[in-house]
Structures are given as C-alpha cells and as structure tokens.
Amino acid sequence: MLKRAEKNCAAYRNVQFRQANILSLEFPDSSFDKVVAGNVIHLLDEPMKALNELNRVCRPGGMLIIPTYMNKDRKGETGGFVSVIGKAGADFKRQFTVESYQQFFLDAGYTDVKISLAEGRIPCAVAVMRRLDV
C-alpha cells in the first residue's frame, strides 16, 4: 500500500509515506500541516489515544483528516462487509455510523468536525477538523 501511494504521489516533493505506530509516532510535536489516518481508527483498541497522538504531531492550525468505514446499518449492528473483512483478519473494534463517528470527535473535544459520507456498497466517512489546541 505504501509503495502504491508513493508511486501515485511521486510528482509531489512535500509528501512522504511511512509505516508507523499510530499510538506512538516518532515525530516531534507540530511536525505536519496535515495528518491523514486512513481507515484505521475503527481497528484500534485505543482510538482516543491515537487521535491524541495525531493531534500532537499536527501543527497549530493544521488539519486532521480521518476517513473510516461506516456501518451501513444505522442501528450500529454488524454489516455484511464487517463480517467478510473480519474473516480476512481485520478486527473491527468499532462500527461507526455517521452519528456515532461525529460523537466520537465531539467526545474528544473537537467542535468543528466536518464529516462527508461517500455512500456505496462500502460506505466511508471522512472527518476533517482543525488541530485541537492543547
């Protein structure tokens, strides 16, 4: 996945891709203008800890961009996609609806979160917010 991303962004000199531990990033505070954590937050035992770490490495005024899969069922019940992916080894710790995803960020103190939903067989929501001042 990283090799494909690097290839797709080869024309951009200011873009880097690295494999890292989202719970303990090896970057100084305020290192990045934008921080993207794609389709991972629903897999974590400690998503708030990861969110705090993403916020830490984002510069003041910077943006956090966090897309994740949505549960098609508004009741929060397991969808077919989650079952299939689970059998392939992905362990969903959370199954967000748009509403519960919004609440996750509100609970973390982000009041300016904008969530865009991409409907489809596998719906995905992208949360975009400014870095939380700490």
Protein backbone atom coordinates (compact mmCIF):
# COMPACT_ATOMS: atom_id res chain seq x y z
CA MET A 1 0.00 0.00 0.00
CA LEU A 2 2.81 2.43 0.86
CA LYS A 3 4.63 1.69 -2.39
CA ARG A 4 1.47 2.37 -4.38
CA ALA A 5 0.87 5.65 -2.52
CA GLU A 6 4.47 6.72 -3.10
CA LYS A 7 4.14 5.95 -6.80
CA ASN A 8 0.86 7.87 -7.07
CA CYS A 9 2.37 10.92 -5.37
CA ALA A 10 5.86 10.77 -6.90
CA ALA A 11 5.39 14.21 -8.50
CA TYR A 12 4.95 15.87 -5.10
CA ARG A 13 8.16 16.66 -3.24
CA ASN A 14 6.43 17.59 0.01
CA VAL A 15 4.61 14.27 0.54
CA GLN A 16 6.06 11.36 2.49
CA PHE A 17 4.70 7.95 3.40
CA ARG A 18 5.96 5.87 6.32
CA GLN A 19 4.77 2.92 8.28
CA ALA A 20 4.40 3.90 11.93
CA ASN A 21 2.73 3.01 15.23
CA ILE A 22 -0.26 5.34 15.42
CA LEU A 23 -0.23 5.15 19.23
CA SER A 24 3.38 6.34 19.47
CA LEU A 25 4.52 8.36 16.47
CA GLU A 26 8.24 9.04 16.25
CA PHE A 27 7.85 12.64 15.13
CA PRO A 28 8.30 15.85 17.10
CA ASP A 29 5.28 17.87 18.21
CA SER A 30 3.73 20.07 15.50
CA SER A 31 5.61 18.35 12.64
CA PHE A 32 2.93 18.35 9.94
CA ASP A 33 0.49 20.75 8.29
CA LYS A 34 -1.94 17.91 7.61
CA VAL A 35 -2.19 14.49 9.19
CA VAL A 36 -4.11 11.67 7.50
CA ALA A 37 -5.02 8.39 9.18
CA GLY A 38 -6.97 6.39 6.62
CA ASN A 39 -9.28 3.53 7.54
CA VAL A 40 -7.59 2.64 10.81
CA ILE A 41 -9.47 4.30 13.68
CA HIS A 42 -12.18 1.59 13.70
CA LEU A 43 -9.50 -1.10 14.18
CA LEU A 44 -7.94 0.30 17.33
CA ASP A 45 -8.37 -0.71 20.96
CA GLU A 46 -7.41 2.84 21.97
CA PRO A 47 -8.77 5.19 19.29
CA MET A 48 -8.70 8.24 21.59
CA LYS A 49 -5.02 7.68 22.31
CA ALA A 50 -4.38 7.51 18.56
CA LEU A 51 -6.38 10.69 17.99
CA ASN A 52 -4.35 12.48 20.68
CA GLU A 53 -1.13 11.33 19.00
CA LEU A 54 -2.31 12.52 15.58
CA ASN A 55 -3.23 15.86 17.12
CA ARG A 56 0.19 16.11 18.79
CA VAL A 57 2.13 15.81 15.53
CA CYS A 58 -0.12 18.26 13.69
CA ARG A 59 0.96 21.91 13.76
CA PRO A 60 -1.29 24.56 15.36
CA GLY A 61 -3.91 25.50 12.79
CA GLY A 62 -3.23 22.28 10.86
CA MET A 63 -5.78 19.75 9.71
CA LEU A 64 -6.58 16.19 10.75
CA ILE A 65 -8.18 14.07 8.02
CA ILE A 66 -9.53 10.74 9.21
CA PRO A 67 -11.53 8.58 6.81
CA THR A 68 -13.03 5.33 8.07
CA TYR A 69 -15.52 2.73 7.00
CA MET A 70 -19.11 3.21 8.10
CA ASN A 71 -21.55 0.58 9.18
CA LYS A 72 -24.41 0.63 6.68
CA ASP A 73 -26.88 -0.28 9.41
CA ARG A 74 -27.93 2.89 11.23
CA LYS A 75 -28.64 0.81 14.31
CA GLY A 76 -24.91 0.05 14.63
CA GLU A 77 -25.38 -3.67 14.05
CA THR A 78 -22.72 -5.63 12.22
CA GLY A 79 -22.97 -5.27 8.46
CA GLY A 80 -22.03 -7.94 5.93
CA PHE A 81 -18.85 -6.09 4.95
CA VAL A 82 -17.58 -6.16 8.54
CA SER A 83 -18.20 -9.90 8.72
CA VAL A 84 -16.32 -10.58 5.47
CA ILE A 85 -13.37 -8.35 6.39
CA GLY A 86 -13.28 -9.90 9.86
CA LYS A 87 -12.85 -13.33 8.31
CA ALA A 88 -9.92 -11.92 6.32
CA GLY A 89 -8.21 -10.82 9.55
CA ALA A 90 -9.34 -7.21 10.11
CA ASP A 91 -10.71 -6.93 13.62
CA PHE A 92 -13.21 -4.05 13.78
CA LYS A 93 -13.19 -2.69 17.34
CA ARG A 94 -15.81 -0.07 16.47
CA GLN A 95 -18.53 0.02 13.89
CA PHE A 96 -19.37 3.64 13.38
CA THR A 97 -22.47 5.20 11.97
CA VAL A 98 -22.15 8.80 10.80
CA GLU A 99 -23.77 9.91 14.04
CA SER A 100 -21.51 7.85 16.31
CA TYR A 101 -18.46 8.96 14.33
CA GLN A 102 -19.40 12.59 14.84
CA GLN A 103 -19.94 11.90 18.55
CA PHE A 104 -16.51 10.24 18.82
CA PHE A 105 -14.85 13.50 17.79
CA LEU A 106 -17.16 15.66 19.92
CA ASP A 107 -16.26 13.49 22.93
CA ALA A 108 -12.58 14.17 22.14
CA GLY A 109 -13.21 17.94 22.23
CA TYR A 110 -13.39 18.71 18.50
CA THR A 111 -16.31 21.04 17.89
CA ASP A 112 -15.56 21.96 14.26
CA VAL A 113 -15.62 18.46 12.71
CA LYS A 114 -16.95 18.20 9.19
CA ILE A 115 -17.93 14.73 8.09
CA SER A 116 -18.57 13.81 4.46
CA LEU A 117 -20.15 10.47 3.66
CA ALA A 118 -19.33 8.54 0.50
CA GLU A 119 -22.28 6.20 0.02
CA GLY A 120 -21.91 2.87 -1.69
CA ARG A 121 -21.59 -0.83 -1.03
CA ILE A 122 -18.86 0.01 1.47
CA PRO A 123 -19.72 3.45 2.82
CA CYS A 124 -16.86 5.60 4.07
CA ALA A 125 -16.95 8.84 6.02
CA VAL A 126 -14.16 11.38 6.02
CA ALA A 127 -13.78 13.51 9.14
CA VAL A 128 -11.88 16.77 8.71
CA MET A 129 -11.06 19.06 11.61
CA ARG A 130 -8.54 21.62 12.76
CA ARG A 131 -5.93 20.57 15.29
CA LEU A 132 -7.19 20.84 18.82
CA ASP A 133 -5.18 23.35 20.84
CA VAL A 134 -3.60 21.61 23.81
